[in-house]
C-alpha atoms as a PDB file:
ATOM      1  CA  MET A   1      21.614  72.574  49.101  1.00  0.00           C
ATOM      2  CA  PRO A   2      19.395  74.788  51.304  1.00  0.00           C
ATOM      3  CA  ASP A   3      15.673  74.717  50.461  1.00  0.00           C
ATOM      4  CA  PRO A   4      15.080  77.294  47.663  1.00  0.00           C
ATOM      5  CA  ARG A   5      11.693  78.166  49.178  1.00  0.00           C
ATOM      6  CA  PHE A   6      13.579  79.788  52.043  1.00  0.00           C
ATOM      7  CA  PHE A   7      17.052  80.624  50.735  1.00  0.00           C
ATOM      8  CA  GLU A   8      18.383  82.341  47.645  1.00  0.00           C
ATOM      9  CA  SER A   9      21.536  80.966  46.037  1.00  0.00           C
ATOM     10  CA  LEU A  10      24.067  83.680  45.169  1.00  0.00           C
ATOM     11  CA  SER A  11      26.691  83.763  42.423  1.00  0.00           C
ATOM     12  CA  PRO A  12      29.448  81.109  42.291  1.00  0.00           C
ATOM     13  CA  LEU A  13      33.022  82.091  43.095  1.00  0.00           C
ATOM     14  CA  THR A  14      36.394  80.645  42.227  1.00  0.00           C
ATOM     15  CA  VAL A  15      38.255  79.114  45.145  1.00  0.00           C
ATOM     16  CA  ALA A  16      40.819  81.932  44.876  1.00  0.00           C
ATOM     17  CA  GLU A  17      38.098  84.591  45.073  1.00  0.00           C
ATOM     18  CA  LEU A  18      36.506  82.801  48.009  1.00  0.00           C
ATOM     19  CA  ALA A  19      39.781  82.505  49.902  1.00  0.00           C
ATOM     20  CA  GLU A  20      40.455  86.222  49.528  1.00  0.00           C
ATOM     21  CA  ARG A  21      37.003  87.136  50.887  1.00  0.00           C
ATOM     22  CA  ILE A  22      37.046  84.795  53.880  1.00  0.00           C
ATOM     23  CA  GLY A  23      40.625  85.417  54.964  1.00  0.00           C
ATOM     24  CA  GLY A  24      42.123  82.081  53.897  1.00  0.00           C
ATOM     25  CA  GLU A  25      44.937  81.010  51.636  1.00  0.00           C
ATOM     26  CA  VAL A  26      44.708  78.753  48.584  1.00  0.00           C
ATOM     27  CA  ALA A  27      46.745  75.576  48.932  1.00  0.00           C
ATOM     28  CA  ARG A  28      45.571  74.102  45.631  1.00  0.00           C
ATOM     29  CA  GLY A  29      42.789  74.349  43.053  1.00  0.00           C
ATOM     30  CA  GLY A  30      42.304  78.114  43.043  1.00  0.00           C
ATOM     31  CA  ASP A  31      40.603  78.138  39.612  1.00  0.00           C
ATOM     32  CA  ARG A  32      37.801  75.767  40.609  1.00  0.00           C
ATOM     33  CA  LYS A  33      34.322  77.282  40.926  1.00  0.00           C
ATOM     34  CA  VAL A  34      32.157  76.605  43.968  1.00  0.00           C
ATOM     35  CA  SER A  35      28.606  77.680  44.717  1.00  0.00           C
ATOM     36  CA  ALA A  36      27.414  76.376  48.097  1.00  0.00           C
ATOM     37  CA  VAL A  37      28.452  75.283  51.561  1.00  0.00           C
ATOM     38  CA  ALA A  38      27.686  71.916  53.108  1.00  0.00           C
ATOM     39  CA  PRO A  39      28.951  69.526  55.802  1.00  0.00           C
ATOM     40  CA  LEU A  40      31.743  67.133  54.885  1.00  0.00           C
ATOM     41  CA  ALA A  41      29.350  64.184  54.647  1.00  0.00           C
ATOM     42  CA  SER A  42      26.922  65.744  52.166  1.00  0.00           C
ATOM     43  CA  ALA A  43      28.973  68.244  50.140  1.00  0.00           C
ATOM     44  CA  ASP A  44      29.214  67.679  46.381  1.00  0.00           C
ATOM     45  CA  ALA A  45      31.614  68.884  43.707  1.00  0.00           C
ATOM     46  CA  GLY A  46      30.266  72.441  43.907  1.00  0.00           C
ATOM     47  CA  GLY A  47      30.261  72.546  47.697  1.00  0.00           C
ATOM     48  CA  VAL A  48      32.599  73.963  50.321  1.00  0.00           C
ATOM     49  CA  ALA A  49      33.096  72.006  53.564  1.00  0.00           C
ATOM     50  CA  PHE A  50      35.471  72.435  56.491  1.00  0.00           C
ATOM     51  CA  LEU A  51      37.452  70.443  59.039  1.00  0.00           C
ATOM     52  CA  GLY A  52      36.891  71.874  62.491  1.00  0.00           C
ATOM     53  CA  ASP A  53      38.308  69.049  64.583  1.00  0.00           C
ATOM     54  CA  ARG A  54      40.800  66.215  64.057  1.00  0.00           C
ATOM     55  CA  LYS A  55      38.153  63.702  65.125  1.00  0.00           C
ATOM     56  CA  PHE A  56      36.463  64.297  61.747  1.00  0.00           C
ATOM     57  CA  ALA A  57      39.590  63.350  59.771  1.00  0.00           C
ATOM     58  CA  ALA A  58      37.877  60.236  58.386  1.00  0.00           C
ATOM     59  CA  ALA A  59      34.975  62.347  57.111  1.00  0.00           C
ATOM     60  CA  LEU A  60      37.477  64.702  55.477  1.00  0.00           C
ATOM     61  CA  ALA A  61      39.168  61.825  53.687  1.00  0.00           C
ATOM     62  CA  ALA A  62      35.825  60.530  52.393  1.00  0.00           C
ATOM     63  CA  THR A  63      34.204  63.832  51.415  1.00  0.00           C
ATOM     64  CA  HIS A  64      33.101  64.620  47.863  1.00  0.00           C
ATOM     65  CA  ALA A  65      33.348  68.372  48.469  1.00  0.00           C
ATOM     66  CA  GLY A  66      34.821  70.414  45.652  1.00  0.00           C
ATOM     67  CA  CYS A  67      36.662  72.555  48.181  1.00  0.00           C
ATOM     68  CA  VAL A  68      37.625  72.068  51.818  1.00  0.00           C
ATOM     69  CA  ILE A  69      38.756  74.619  54.393  1.00  0.00           C
ATOM     70  CA  VAL A  70      41.315  73.091  56.741  1.00  0.00           C
ATOM     71  CA  PRO A  71      44.150  74.065  59.098  1.00  0.00           C
ATOM     72  CA  ALA A  72      47.526  74.237  57.357  1.00  0.00           C
ATOM     73  CA  SER A  73      48.589  71.038  59.111  1.00  0.00           C
ATOM     74  CA  ALA A  74      45.741  69.068  57.486  1.00  0.00           C
ATOM     75  CA  VAL A  75      46.333  69.852  53.819  1.00  0.00           C
ATOM     76  CA  GLU A  76      47.790  66.409  53.092  1.00  0.00           C
ATOM     77  CA  ALA A  77      44.743  64.747  54.662  1.00  0.00           C
ATOM     78  CA  ALA A  78      42.352  66.387  52.176  1.00  0.00           C
ATOM     79  CA  PRO A  79      41.136  64.284  49.217  1.00  0.00           C
ATOM     80  CA  GLU A  80      43.328  64.592  46.123  1.00  0.00           C
ATOM     81  CA  GLY A  81      40.498  65.846  43.942  1.00  0.00           C
ATOM     82  CA  ALA A  82      39.434  68.680  46.257  1.00  0.00           C
ATOM     83  CA  ALA A  83      40.597  72.283  46.147  1.00  0.00           C
ATOM     84  CA  VAL A  84      42.001  73.341  49.515  1.00  0.00           C
ATOM     85  CA  ILE A  85      41.870  76.611  51.434  1.00  0.00           C
ATOM     86  CA  THR A  86      43.906  76.853  54.624  1.00  0.00           C
ATOM     87  CA  SER A  87      42.791  78.873  57.610  1.00  0.00           C
ATOM     88  CA  GLY A  88      43.656  79.042  61.287  1.00  0.00           C
ATOM     89  CA  GLU A  89      39.925  79.445  61.992  1.00  0.00           C
ATOM     90  CA  SER A  90      38.344  77.040  59.535  1.00  0.00           C
ATOM     91  CA  GLN A  91      34.818  77.034  60.967  1.00  0.00           C
ATOM     92  CA  ALA A  92      34.663  80.828  61.050  1.00  0.00           C
ATOM     93  CA  ALA A  93      35.952  80.925  57.471  1.00  0.00           C
ATOM     94  CA  TRP A  94      33.248  78.454  56.446  1.00  0.00           C
ATOM     95  CA  ALA A  95      30.636  80.634  58.161  1.00  0.00           C
ATOM     96  CA  ARG A  96      31.824  83.627  56.156  1.00  0.00           C
ATOM     97  CA  ALA A  97      31.653  81.523  52.980  1.00  0.00           C
ATOM     98  CA  SER A  98      28.072  80.556  53.816  1.00  0.00           C
ATOM     99  CA  ALA A  99      27.023  84.196  53.839  1.00  0.00           C
ATOM    100  CA  LEU A 100      28.588  84.646  50.374  1.00  0.00           C
ATOM    101  CA  PHE A 101      26.634  81.782  48.796  1.00  0.00           C
ATOM    102  CA  HIS A 102      23.251  81.747  50.555  1.00  0.00           C
ATOM    103  CA  ARG A 103      20.804  84.432  51.630  1.00  0.00           C
ATOM    104  CA  ALA A 104      17.453  83.982  53.343  1.00  0.00           C
ATOM    105  CA  HIS A 105      14.465  85.299  51.415  1.00  0.00           C
ATOM    106  CA  ALA A 106      13.394  88.572  53.001  1.00  0.00           C
ATOM    107  CA  LEU A 107       9.825  89.284  54.023  1.00  0.00           C
ATOM    108  CA  ASP A 108       9.670  92.434  51.934  1.00  0.00           C
ATOM    109  CA  ILE A 109       6.474  91.634  50.046  1.00  0.00           C
ATOM    110  CA  ALA A 110       3.224  90.408  51.639  1.00  0.00           C
ATOM    111  CA  ILE A 111       0.595  88.424  49.764  1.00  0.00           C
ATOM    112  CA  ASP A 112      -3.175  88.295  50.178  1.00  0.00           C
ATOM    113  CA  ARG A 113      -5.011  85.498  51.917  1.00  0.00           C
ATOM    114  CA  SER A 114      -6.480  84.432  48.555  1.00  0.00           C
ATOM    115  CA  GLU A 115      -2.995  83.695  47.194  1.00  0.00           C
ATOM    116  CA  ALA A 116      -2.029  81.527  50.174  1.00  0.00           C
ATOM    117  CA  ALA A 117      -5.256  79.720  51.106  1.00  0.00           C
ATOM    118  CA  GLU A 118      -6.250  76.343  49.701  1.00  0.00           C
ATOM    119  CA  ASP A 119      -9.931  77.402  49.785  1.00  0.00           C
ATOM    120  CA  ASP A 120     -12.401  79.725  51.505  1.00  0.00           C
ATOM    121  CA  SER A 121     -12.390  77.702  54.749  1.00  0.00           C
ATOM    122  CA  VAL A 122      -9.003  79.209  55.704  1.00  0.00           C
ATOM    123  CA  PHE A 123      -9.377  82.027  58.261  1.00  0.00           C
ATOM    124  CA  VAL A 124      -6.789  84.783  58.541  1.00  0.00           C
ATOM    125  CA  ALA A 125      -7.327  87.269  61.382  1.00  0.00           C
ATOM    126  CA  PRO A 126      -6.589  91.012  61.181  1.00  0.00           C
ATOM    127  CA  GLY A 127      -2.938  92.006  61.185  1.00  0.00           C
ATOM    128  CA  VAL A 128      -1.564  88.726  59.813  1.00  0.00           C
ATOM    129  CA  VAL A 129       1.406  89.053  57.438  1.00  0.00           C
ATOM    130  CA  LEU A 130       1.965  86.337  54.819  1.00  0.00           C
ATOM    131  CA  GLY A 131       5.215  86.153  52.872  1.00  0.00           C
ATOM    132  CA  GLN A 132       5.571  85.152  49.257  1.00  0.00           C
ATOM    133  CA  GLY A 133       5.120  81.447  48.589  1.00  0.00           C
ATOM    134  CA  VAL A 134       3.143  80.751  51.782  1.00  0.00           C
ATOM    135  CA  ARG A 135       0.518  78.028  51.442  1.00  0.00           C
ATOM    136  CA  ILE A 136      -2.207  77.315  54.029  1.00  0.00           C
ATOM    137  CA  GLY A 137      -4.313  74.146  53.936  1.00  0.00           C
ATOM    138  CA  ARG A 138      -8.067  73.782  54.158  1.00  0.00           C
ATOM    139  CA  GLY A 139      -9.707  74.576  57.511  1.00  0.00           C
ATOM    140  CA  SER A 140      -6.670  76.227  59.096  1.00  0.00           C
ATOM    141  CA  ARG A 141      -6.914  79.395  61.192  1.00  0.00           C
ATOM    142  CA  ILE A 142      -4.229  82.051  61.681  1.00  0.00           C
ATOM    143  CA  GLY A 143      -4.486  84.354  64.737  1.00  0.00           C
ATOM    144  CA  ALA A 144      -4.169  88.128  64.777  1.00  0.00           C
ATOM    145  CA  ASN A 145      -0.786  89.765  64.130  1.00  0.00           C
ATOM    146  CA  THR A 146       0.982  86.500  63.379  1.00  0.00           C
ATOM    147  CA  VAL A 147       3.798  86.609  60.822  1.00  0.00           C
ATOM    148  CA  ILE A 148       4.255  83.711  58.394  1.00  0.00           C
ATOM    149  CA  GLY A 149       7.582  83.995  56.566  1.00  0.00           C
ATOM    150  CA  PRO A 150       8.251  83.379  52.860  1.00  0.00           C
ATOM    151  CA  GLY A 151       7.845  79.815  51.645  1.00  0.00           C
ATOM    152  CA  VAL A 152       6.235  78.402  54.796  1.00  0.00           C
ATOM    153  CA  GLN A 153       3.809  75.528  54.173  1.00  0.00           C
ATOM    154  CA  ILE A 154       0.947  74.976  56.649  1.00  0.00           C
ATOM    155  CA  GLY A 155      -1.215  71.857  56.415  1.00  0.00           C
ATOM    156  CA  ARG A 156      -4.929  71.371  56.884  1.00  0.00           C
ATOM    157  CA  ASP A 157      -6.962  72.050  60.058  1.00  0.00           C
ATOM    158  CA  CYS A 158      -4.094  73.811  61.810  1.00  0.00           C
ATOM    159  CA  GLU A 159      -4.557  76.449  64.519  1.00  0.00           C
ATOM    160  CA  ILE A 160      -1.958  79.212  64.781  1.00  0.00           C
ATOM    161  CA  GLY A 161      -2.390  81.592  67.736  1.00  0.00           C
ATOM    162  CA  ALA A 162      -1.996  85.356  67.849  1.00  0.00           C
ATOM    163  CA  ASN A 163       1.399  87.078  67.721  1.00  0.00           C
ATOM    164  CA  ALA A 164       3.278  83.951  66.677  1.00  0.00           C
ATOM    165  CA  SER A 165       6.022  83.896  64.051  1.00  0.00           C
ATOM    166  CA  ILE A 166       6.762  80.987  61.730  1.00  0.00           C
ATOM    167  CA  GLY A 167       9.607  80.899  59.242  1.00  0.00           C
ATOM    168  CA  PHE A 168      11.672  78.303  57.355  1.00  0.00           C
ATOM    169  CA  ALA A 169       9.097  75.685  58.346  1.00  0.00           C
ATOM    170  CA  LEU A 170       6.872  72.945  56.963  1.00  0.00           C
ATOM    171  CA  LEU A 171       3.828  72.083  59.110  1.00  0.00           C
ATOM    172  CA  GLY A 172       1.695  68.973  58.751  1.00  0.00           C
ATOM    173  CA  ASP A 173      -2.046  68.665  59.372  1.00  0.00           C
ATOM    174  CA  ARG A 174      -3.825  69.413  62.684  1.00  0.00           C
ATOM    175  CA  VAL A 175      -0.830  71.280  64.126  1.00  0.00           C
ATOM    176  CA  LYS A 176      -1.494  73.754  66.948  1.00  0.00           C
ATOM    177  CA  ILE A 177       0.903  76.646  67.532  1.00  0.00           C
ATOM    178  CA  TYR A 178      -0.145  78.771  70.513  1.00  0.00           C
ATOM    179  CA  SER A 179       0.269  82.515  70.927  1.00  0.00           C
ATOM    180  CA  GLY A 180       3.744  83.986  70.929  1.00  0.00           C
ATOM    181  CA  ALA A 181       5.555  80.851  69.748  1.00  0.00           C
ATOM    182  CA  ARG A 182       8.655  81.338  67.618  1.00  0.00           C
ATOM    183  CA  ILE A 183       9.195  78.674  64.982  1.00  0.00           C
ATOM    184  CA  GLY A 184      12.230  78.662  62.690  1.00  0.00           C
ATOM    185  CA  GLU A 185      14.448  81.332  64.207  1.00  0.00           C
ATOM    186  CA  ALA A 186      18.190  80.922  63.702  1.00  0.00           C
ATOM    187  CA  GLY A 187      19.805  78.355  65.977  1.00  0.00           C
ATOM    188  CA  PHE A 188      22.518  79.418  68.406  1.00  0.00           C
ATOM    189  CA  GLY A 189      25.828  78.829  66.688  1.00  0.00           C
ATOM    190  CA  ALA A 190      29.030  80.842  66.666  1.00  0.00           C
ATOM    191  CA  ALA A 191      32.594  80.093  65.594  1.00  0.00           C
ATOM    192  CA  GLY A 192      35.627  81.538  67.307  1.00  0.00           C
ATOM    193  CA  SER A 193      37.886  83.874  65.359  1.00  0.00           C
ATOM    194  CA  LYS A 194      40.683  86.361  65.957  1.00  0.00           C
ATOM    195  CA  THR A 195      38.160  89.199  65.853  1.00  0.00           C
ATOM    196  CA  GLY A 196      35.624  87.507  68.132  1.00  0.00           C
ATOM    197  CA  PRO A 197      32.706  85.104  67.618  1.00  0.00           C
ATOM    198  CA  VAL A 198      31.276  84.794  64.093  1.00  0.00           C
ATOM    199  CA  ASP A 199      27.616  83.850  63.642  1.00  0.00           C
ATOM    200  CA  ILE A 200      27.207  80.592  61.745  1.00  0.00           C
ATOM    201  CA  PRO A 201      24.362  80.987  59.222  1.00  0.00           C
ATOM    202  CA  GLN A 202      21.557  78.532  59.889  1.00  0.00           C
ATOM    203  CA  LEU A 203      20.491  77.009  56.566  1.00  0.00           C
ATOM    204  CA  GLY A 204      18.089  74.261  57.677  1.00  0.00           C
ATOM    205  CA  ARG A 205      14.347  74.087  58.294  1.00  0.00           C
ATOM    206  CA  VAL A 206      11.830  73.116  60.960  1.00  0.00           C
ATOM    207  CA  ILE A 207       9.607  70.128  60.130  1.00  0.00           C
ATOM    208  CA  ILE A 208       6.542  69.801  62.372  1.00  0.00           C
ATOM    209  CA  GLN A 209       4.623  66.612  61.709  1.00  0.00           C
ATOM    210  CA  ASP A 210       0.871  65.928  62.010  1.00  0.00           C
ATOM    211  CA  GLY A 211      -0.926  66.504  65.307  1.00  0.00           C
ATOM    212  CA  VAL A 212       1.867  68.373  67.115  1.00  0.00           C
ATOM    213  CA  THR A 213       1.031  71.032  69.709  1.00  0.00           C
ATOM    214  CA  VAL A 214       3.513  73.810  70.528  1.00  0.00           C
ATOM    215  CA  GLY A 215       2.756  75.892  73.628  1.00  0.00           C
ATOM    216  CA  ALA A 216       2.733  79.661  74.069  1.00  0.00           C
ATOM    217  CA  ASN A 217       6.088  81.441  73.852  1.00  0.00           C
ATOM    218  CA  SER A 218       7.972  78.256  73.054  1.00  0.00           C
ATOM    219  CA  CYS A 219      10.895  78.404  70.598  1.00  0.00           C
ATOM    220  CA  ILE A 220      11.947  75.816  68.021  1.00  0.00           C
ATOM    221  CA  ASP A 221      15.106  76.770  66.114  1.00  0.00           C
ATOM    222  CA  ARG A 222      15.681  75.769  62.521  1.00  0.00           C
ATOM    223  CA  GLY A 223      18.529  73.425  61.697  1.00  0.00           C
ATOM    224  CA  ALA A 224      22.069  74.580  61.084  1.00  0.00           C
ATOM    225  CA  TYR A 225      22.135  72.674  57.781  1.00  0.00           C
ATOM    226  CA  ASP A 226      19.940  69.620  58.284  1.00  0.00           C
ATOM    227  CA  ASP A 227      16.423  69.973  59.734  1.00  0.00           C
ATOM    228  CA  THR A 228      14.955  70.272  63.201  1.00  0.00           C
ATOM    229  CA  ILE A 229      12.129  67.711  63.317  1.00  0.00           C
ATOM    230  CA  ILE A 230       9.203  67.422  65.741  1.00  0.00           C
ATOM    231  CA  GLY A 231       7.605  63.983  65.510  1.00  0.00           C
ATOM    232  CA  GLU A 232       3.953  63.206  65.002  1.00  0.00           C
ATOM    233  CA  ASN A 233       1.535  63.912  67.886  1.00  0.00           C
ATOM    234  CA  SER A 234       4.184  65.291  70.261  1.00  0.00           C
ATOM    235  CA  LYS A 235       2.893  67.822  72.804  1.00  0.00           C
ATOM    236  CA  ILE A 236       5.080  70.731  73.853  1.00  0.00           C
ATOM    237  CA  ASP A 237       4.131  72.959  76.798  1.00  0.00           C
ATOM    238  CA  ASN A 238       4.598  76.717  77.147  1.00  0.00           C
ATOM    239  CA  LEU A 239       8.092  78.226  77.384  1.00  0.00           C
ATOM    240  CA  VAL A 240       9.982  75.240  75.988  1.00  0.00           C
ATOM    241  CA  MET A 241      13.242  75.686  74.062  1.00  0.00           C
ATOM    242  CA  ILE A 242      14.285  73.237  71.330  1.00  0.00           C
ATOM    243  CA  GLY A 243      17.674  73.913  69.740  1.00  0.00           C
ATOM    244  CA  HIS A 244      18.792  73.455  66.162  1.00  0.00           C
ATOM    245  CA  ASN A 245      19.024  70.015  64.560  1.00  0.00           C
ATOM    246  CA  CYS A 246      17.031  68.270  67.305  1.00  0.00           C
ATOM    247  CA  ILE A 247      15.050  65.238  66.164  1.00  0.00           C
ATOM    248  CA  ILE A 248      12.074  64.583  68.421  1.00  0.00           C
ATOM    249  CA  GLY A 249      10.240  61.259  68.136  1.00  0.00           C
ATOM    250  CA  ARG A 250       6.517  60.657  68.048  1.00  0.00           C
ATOM    251  CA  ASN A 251       4.228  61.175  71.065  1.00  0.00           C
ATOM    252  CA  ASN A 252       6.812  63.030  73.147  1.00  0.00           C
ATOM    253  CA  LEU A 253       5.589  65.138  76.080  1.00  0.00           C
ATOM    254  CA  MET A 254       7.559  68.201  77.238  1.00  0.00           C
ATOM    255  CA  ALA A 255       6.491  70.178  80.298  1.00  0.00           C
ATOM    256  CA  ALA A 256       7.163  73.896  80.671  1.00  0.00           C
ATOM    257  CA  HIS A 257      10.735  75.218  80.769  1.00  0.00           C
ATOM    258  CA  THR A 258      12.216  72.088  79.255  1.00  0.00           C
ATOM    259  CA  GLY A 259      15.325  73.006  77.296  1.00  0.00           C
ATOM    260  CA  LEU A 260      17.034  70.889  74.648  1.00  0.00           C
ATOM    261  CA  SER A 261      20.452  71.890  73.339  1.00  0.00           C
ATOM    262  CA  GLY A 262      21.339  71.385  69.689  1.00  0.00           C
ATOM    263  CA  THR A 263      21.338  67.964  68.005  1.00  0.00           C
ATOM    264  CA  VAL A 264      19.413  66.120  70.708  1.00  0.00           C
ATOM    265  CA  THR A 265      17.619  63.007  69.457  1.00  0.00           C
ATOM    266  CA  THR A 266      14.698  61.410  71.276  1.00  0.00           C
ATOM    267  CA  GLY A 267      12.837  58.197  70.545  1.00  0.00           C
ATOM    268  CA  ASP A 268       9.071  57.780  70.586  1.00  0.00           C
ATOM    269  CA  ASN A 269       7.011  58.269  73.769  1.00  0.00           C
ATOM    270  CA  VAL A 270       9.674  60.162  75.738  1.00  0.00           C
ATOM    271  CA  MET A 271       8.483  62.370  78.619  1.00  0.00           C
ATOM    272  CA  PHE A 272      10.171  65.447  80.142  1.00  0.00           C
ATOM    273  CA  GLY A 273       9.219  66.985  83.464  1.00  0.00           C
ATOM    274  CA  GLY A 274       9.265  70.741  83.944  1.00  0.00           C
ATOM    275  CA  GLN A 275      12.650  72.507  83.763  1.00  0.00           C
ATOM    276  CA  ALA A 276      14.440  69.430  82.481  1.00  0.00           C
ATOM    277  CA  GLY A 277      17.590  70.315  80.569  1.00  0.00           C
ATOM    278  CA  VAL A 278      19.505  68.245  78.005  1.00  0.00           C
ATOM    279  CA  GLY A 279      23.060  68.852  76.763  1.00  0.00           C
ATOM    280  CA  ASP A 280      23.994  68.837  73.093  1.00  0.00           C
ATOM    281  CA  HIS A 281      24.433  65.732  70.910  1.00  0.00           C
ATOM    282  CA  ILE A 282      22.616  63.476  73.394  1.00  0.00           C
ATOM    283  CA  THR A 283      20.305  60.581  72.504  1.00  0.00           C
ATOM    284  CA  ILE A 284      17.337  59.649  74.695  1.00  0.00           C
ATOM    285  CA  GLY A 285      15.835  56.246  73.978  1.00  0.00           C
ATOM    286  CA  ALA A 286      12.202  55.401  73.295  1.00  0.00           C
ATOM    287  CA  GLY A 287       9.918  55.405  76.325  1.00  0.00           C
ATOM    288  CA  ALA A 288      12.466  57.112  78.588  1.00  0.00           C
ATOM    289  CA  ARG A 289      11.408  59.634  81.235  1.00  0.00           C
ATOM    290  CA  VAL A 290      13.344  62.676  82.409  1.00  0.00           C
ATOM    291  CA  ALA A 291      12.272  63.994  85.809  1.00  0.00           C
ATOM    292  CA  GLY A 292      11.539  67.652  86.424  1.00  0.00           C
ATOM    293  CA  GLY A 293      14.666  69.744  86.959  1.00  0.00           C
ATOM    294  CA  ALA A 294      17.002  66.993  85.747  1.00  0.00           C
ATOM    295  CA  GLY A 295      20.157  67.908  83.876  1.00  0.00           C
ATOM    296  CA  VAL A 296      20.948  65.278  81.242  1.00  0.00           C
ATOM    297  CA  LEU A 297      24.621  65.163  80.275  1.00  0.00           C
ATOM    298  CA  LYS A 298      24.839  61.699  78.688  1.00  0.00           C
ATOM    299  CA  ASP A 299      22.678  59.298  76.694  1.00  0.00           C
ATOM    300  CA  ILE A 300      19.648  57.697  78.359  1.00  0.00           C
ATOM    301  CA  PRO A 301      18.794  54.096  77.368  1.00  0.00           C
ATOM    302  CA  PRO A 302      15.250  53.260  76.219  1.00  0.00           C
ATOM    303  CA  GLY A 303      12.613  52.883  78.929  1.00  0.00           C
ATOM    304  CA  GLU A 304      14.659  54.275  81.824  1.00  0.00           C
ATOM    305  CA  THR A 305      13.700  57.099  84.196  1.00  0.00           C
ATOM    306  CA  TRP A 306      16.476  59.533  85.147  1.00  0.00           C
ATOM    307  CA  SER A 307      16.525  62.383  87.633  1.00  0.00           C
ATOM    308  CA  GLY A 308      18.867  64.795  89.413  1.00  0.00           C
ATOM    309  CA  TYR A 309      21.826  66.890  88.328  1.00  0.00           C
ATOM    310  CA  PRO A 310      23.753  65.474  86.679  1.00  0.00           C
ATOM    311  CA  ALA A 311      20.913  63.122  85.769  1.00  0.00           C
ATOM    312  CA  LYS A 312      21.276  59.452  86.715  1.00  0.00           C
ATOM    313  CA  PRO A 313      18.951  56.444  86.815  1.00  0.00           C
ATOM    314  CA  LEU A 314      16.142  57.224  89.259  1.00  0.00           C
ATOM    315  CA  ARG A 315      17.021  54.672  91.966  1.00  0.00           C
ATOM    316  CA  GLN A 316      20.680  55.677  91.958  1.00  0.00           C
ATOM    317  CA  SER A 317      19.790  59.366  92.096  1.00  0.00           C
ATOM    318  CA  LEU A 318      17.419  58.825  95.037  1.00  0.00           C
ATOM    319  CA  ARG A 319      19.927  56.672  96.946  1.00  0.00           C
ATOM    320  CA  GLU A 320      22.599  59.333  96.583  1.00  0.00           C
ATOM    321  CA  ALA A 321      20.200  62.078  97.665  1.00  0.00           C
ATOM    322  CA  ILE A 322      19.176  60.101 100.758  1.00  0.00           C
ATOM    323  CA  TRP A 323      22.808  59.325 101.670  1.00  0.00           C
ATOM    324  CA  LEU A 324      23.763  62.982 101.283  1.00  0.00           C
ATOM    325  CA  ALA A 325      20.816  64.079 103.435  1.00  0.00           C
ATOM    326  CA  LYS A 326      21.829  61.625 106.169  1.00  0.00           C
ATOM    327  CA  GLN A 327      25.437  62.815 106.085  1.00  0.00           C
ATOM    328  CA  ALA A 328      24.348  66.440 106.329  1.00  0.00           C
ATOM    329  CA  SER A 329      21.938  65.615 109.147  1.00  0.00           C
ATOM    330  CA  GLY A 330      24.654  63.820 111.099  1.00  0.00           C
ATOM    331  CA  LYS A 331      27.046  66.757 110.829  1.00  0.00           C
ATOM    332  CA  VAL A 332      24.380  69.196 111.936  1.00  0.00           C
ATOM    333  CA  SER A 333      23.409  67.062 114.977  1.00  0.00           C
ATOM    334  CA  GLY A 334      27.113  66.642 115.856  1.00  0.00           C
ATOM    335  CA  LYS A 335      27.607  70.373 115.994  1.00  0.00           C
ATOM    336  CA  THR A 336      24.527  70.735 118.158  1.00  0.00           C
ATOM    337  CA  ASP A 337      25.865  68.167 120.683  1.00  0.00           C
ATOM    338  CA  GLU A 338      29.042  70.193 121.109  1.00  0.00           C
END
């Protein structure tokens, strides 16, 4: 279930009502009531999950979801106890269902510093907007014109720069967020449908642990359903992009223009050079290093240094670059001799 500090739960629907509103058809269990969406692995009897790819057939068979949205060809694969809705665009249908059950709390009421601050040591500069339910720990400072969304929790001795925005987030102690950073915006997710792409509601949070620094104008998206997590004491430069559901280990270093796609996992003490890019669902082991400008398209084992595009172990990447340079040089000199 999405965190109630950030999301409002809307009224339950019967499976038949849901199917009508999302463009699906009831295969069985139309009278059952459901009240939330969730992934196959974590859905309960009141939850709605979906099968988007045959490779998740085992997860479908094991799910405890009260209702599943599946292609017509997969009805028999659904658990016997689950209600079933069929759709030719199951992920898009699930996205529509999400919007029917969950709604983000709007920042339509601001509270005073006295309601949010742990004590008088909290400093809130002019122009700051604090949503309902915000809590700010002792000794923290919030810069001018920053917006802190409803329900956000900020620990002690934090420093938030000017013109930043923080939503759907829990911050530990001694966290530094520099000016212009965007924490907790919706992750980039869309499902294909007959009418075009459908935004997938992002129902997770951002968890920033103790001692993390986030540079100016960097963006950390909230999770799609689970959380985006930034590990203790990690240091993130300016203009870094971290996609939804990433899990960053402790003591990571990310130079400017690093970009991580969704669901990237890094171990502790990983380092990224400037403009490094990482594809989605990739794991980078503890102590690994990614050279500046590298494009990572597969997992990196612990302790290794990779470079190039596509990224490869450093020695291999350098050997290939040297060989290519020699081949190019030979061709150029051959043309000159003619």
